Amino acid sequence: MELLSTINLLALVLLPFVVPKIWKACWIFLLRPWMITRRFKKQGISGPKYRFVYGNLKEIKKMKKEAKDWVLDPNSNDIFPRVVPHYHNWLSQYGETFIYWNGTKPTLFISDPELGKQILSRKLGFAVIAKTRPEVFILFGKGLPFIEGDDWARHRRILNPAFSMDRLKVMTKRMVDCTLRMLEEWRQQRSGEEVMMRMEINKDFHRLISDIIAATAFGSSYEEGIELFKSQTELEEYFVTSLTSVFIPGTQYLPTPTNLQLWKLDKKVKDSIKRIIDARLKSNSNNYGDDLLGIMLKAATSKESEKTMSMDEVIEECKTFYISGQGSSSILLTWTTLLLSLHQDWQEKLREEVFNECGKDTVPDSDTFSKLKLMNMVLMESLRLYGPVIKMVREATKDMKIGHLDIPKGTSIIVPFLKMHSDKAIWGEDAKQFNPLRFENGVSQAANQPNALLPFSVGPRTCIAQNFAMMEAKTVLTMILQRFRISLSPEYKHTPVDYFNLHPQYGLPILEKKKKVHDLIKRASSRLDPLSPFDSFRRYTKNDESFLLHLSVYLEPGRGDRLSSSLKQHIRKLLKVPILDSSSIKWVQPNTLVRFRGMIQDMLGNEFYAGAYKMNMVLMESLRLYGPVTKMVREATQDIKIGHLDIPKGKGTHNNSILCGSKMVFLKRPITQTDSFPSQLDQELALPKTSP
């Protein structure tokens, strides 16, 4: 009896503490999802069914896993179904606005651009969502994008001068120096006289932007910047794995293997930043400099409450700017490079603009970039099709009414930039095509709705460093176009993926070629007269080497499309077979074929040379269209009948000569090894061959 009394007494004591917890759990996991679902259903908004605790996270994870196996056509810019397959599926089922559940968190998807801009432009009522995912702060730091209210206003006021146009002009020289260092590394990576080199350019851009930020914003050395870059990259990999997991409050404090590694990497990043700060504090300068770090250190010692920052806030801002700036700028450069590799005509237009405004060897400056109109248009189109930030998230801090929508407190709102930027209703029928000319009259007039391009968000919380990012991109692209010509590697797989930002899943391998080789090919191309190719050939060709230039033109993207596509499809099917049997083409000397092989090997690189299956077809077709020997001449030594022709015996003149001209090989199909018309005539005439 005494034991029962003790248990009852204990139950009565614990009851006031346990019952509220049970009620709160029932509210979070059951009642609130049911009530919010009903509230949105009354407004005509539905979505996938809520699942206990997990919401729709399991569905999202499954669809993303399946989509990762898809490989898109490189020429396709319709990437929305692969990047966010759950949004794509739910849009077709539930319409342009729907609700889904990120665990127990209701999330409203709004694809109406006007409603989206209203939400992003509101100063009150919507908060930046990150509070429920503490690992976001570990990666990005609690800097300007993730703080609210008076703290946000104070930080924005302090940081604004660091990104003024005057400061950006000063930063340009450091951007140039960092880019020159990368280009010098490219030059050193070449082996001997190699004219073409394969490289994973997205990795180089990632490291370059880290170097630029370290140099321009923090004034740190190259080695310090690289150390910080490596630590931050490791931290980012661990963060990505947590995006589709359920967050349970309190678990961020448990010493799980993932948390232990996150804490370790976070400490490593902060230690790197602290070393950079300590080096600046120990310098003899009293004003700490006028870059981003210097401005923040001045604020840390300021006595004005409205212009002061604690040292912890300085570290958090450094972390935020480093990772945010590094990701966005490197991704912008990566996708722009892809588009220029696919659209060689635009690459040539940009190169011509750079040469006209900046010169071929001149180091660019900030004044040059304002004149690069075409480059600005290409960057805008790249941001539209492959913007680094594919969506913006806000959370209602109270019950809100936006347009016709009543949004309950605590609801997350997704504004999908990727969907809006490829909407045909906004951008026209060519919304999913690469067309920089849509920005010819400015961003405000590029679409059916004004200011429809939102790569850096809109409103008071628009990206503070957007001009810095654009200056970085223009600097790097200008200097690459001055020195190199880029094309897409056949190994590239078009697999954009959402790793917080829009990344190429398997990287971006490109083929980079010396500008001198491109100039040689361009000169050869300019010699071709499409209306009379053989007249032009006879006019400019002096030896067999000229044929190689014509062949090189056919291997260039955008020229001889049928041959180029065939080569791209089969170039990786390397077989150990001879490229060309010299005995099958009797009017080309064997030593010329050796030179063919050498030129092709120089142009395409050793890895593409080892007996490509389709190379023989390419050589044959090029010989058919631009054969070095344009005709063969024979003379009848007796009256003879060939087919329907009666040919009289010749009398020592060329009056009765037989001319097998170049026109005979313009067939409706590629010439084959069995098509040797001059040899057939030789056999039927039974005459010795004469030199052309």
Foldseek 3Di string as FASTA:
>chain_A
DVVVVVVVVVCVVCVVVPVVVVVVLCCQFPVVVVVVQVVVVVVVAEWDDQDGQQWCLVVQVVLLVVLLPDFDDLQFLPCVCSARVRVVVGCVVTNQWYWTCRRSFIEIEHADLVLQQVQLADLDFKAADDVLPVLVCLQQNCALNHDHDLVNVLRCVLQLVQQDPVLLQVLLVLLLVLLVVLVVVVVVPDDDLFFKDKDQVLVSLLLSLLQSCCCQALVDDSVLSVQLSVLSVVLLVLVLVCPSPRGDPPCCPDPDVSNVVSVVSSVSNLVSVVVSLVVLVPDPDPQSDSHNLSSQVNQCPDPDPSRHDPPSNSSRNSSNCSVVLSQQLSQLLQQLLSVCQQVVVLLVVQLVLLCVQANLPHQDGPVSVVSRLSVVLSSLLSCLSAQFAQWGKIFGCAFDDRDNDTDHHSHMYIHGSNCLSQDCQWQNPCSRHRDSCLCVVHQQRSTPHGNSHASQHDHPSGDSCPVVSVSSSSNNSSNLSSWKDKHFALPDGARWYPSSTTDRPVGGIIMIGTVVVVVLLVVLVVQADVVDRVVSLVVPDDDLVSLLSLLVNCCDPPHVPVLVVVCSVQLQVADQDDLDDVVLAVLDDPVSVVVSLVSVCSVVPPNSRRHTPCSNLSVQQSCLRNNNDFKFKDFQCAFDDDDPDTQHHDDPDCPRIDIGGSVVSPDPDGDDSVPDVVVVVCVRSVDDGDRD
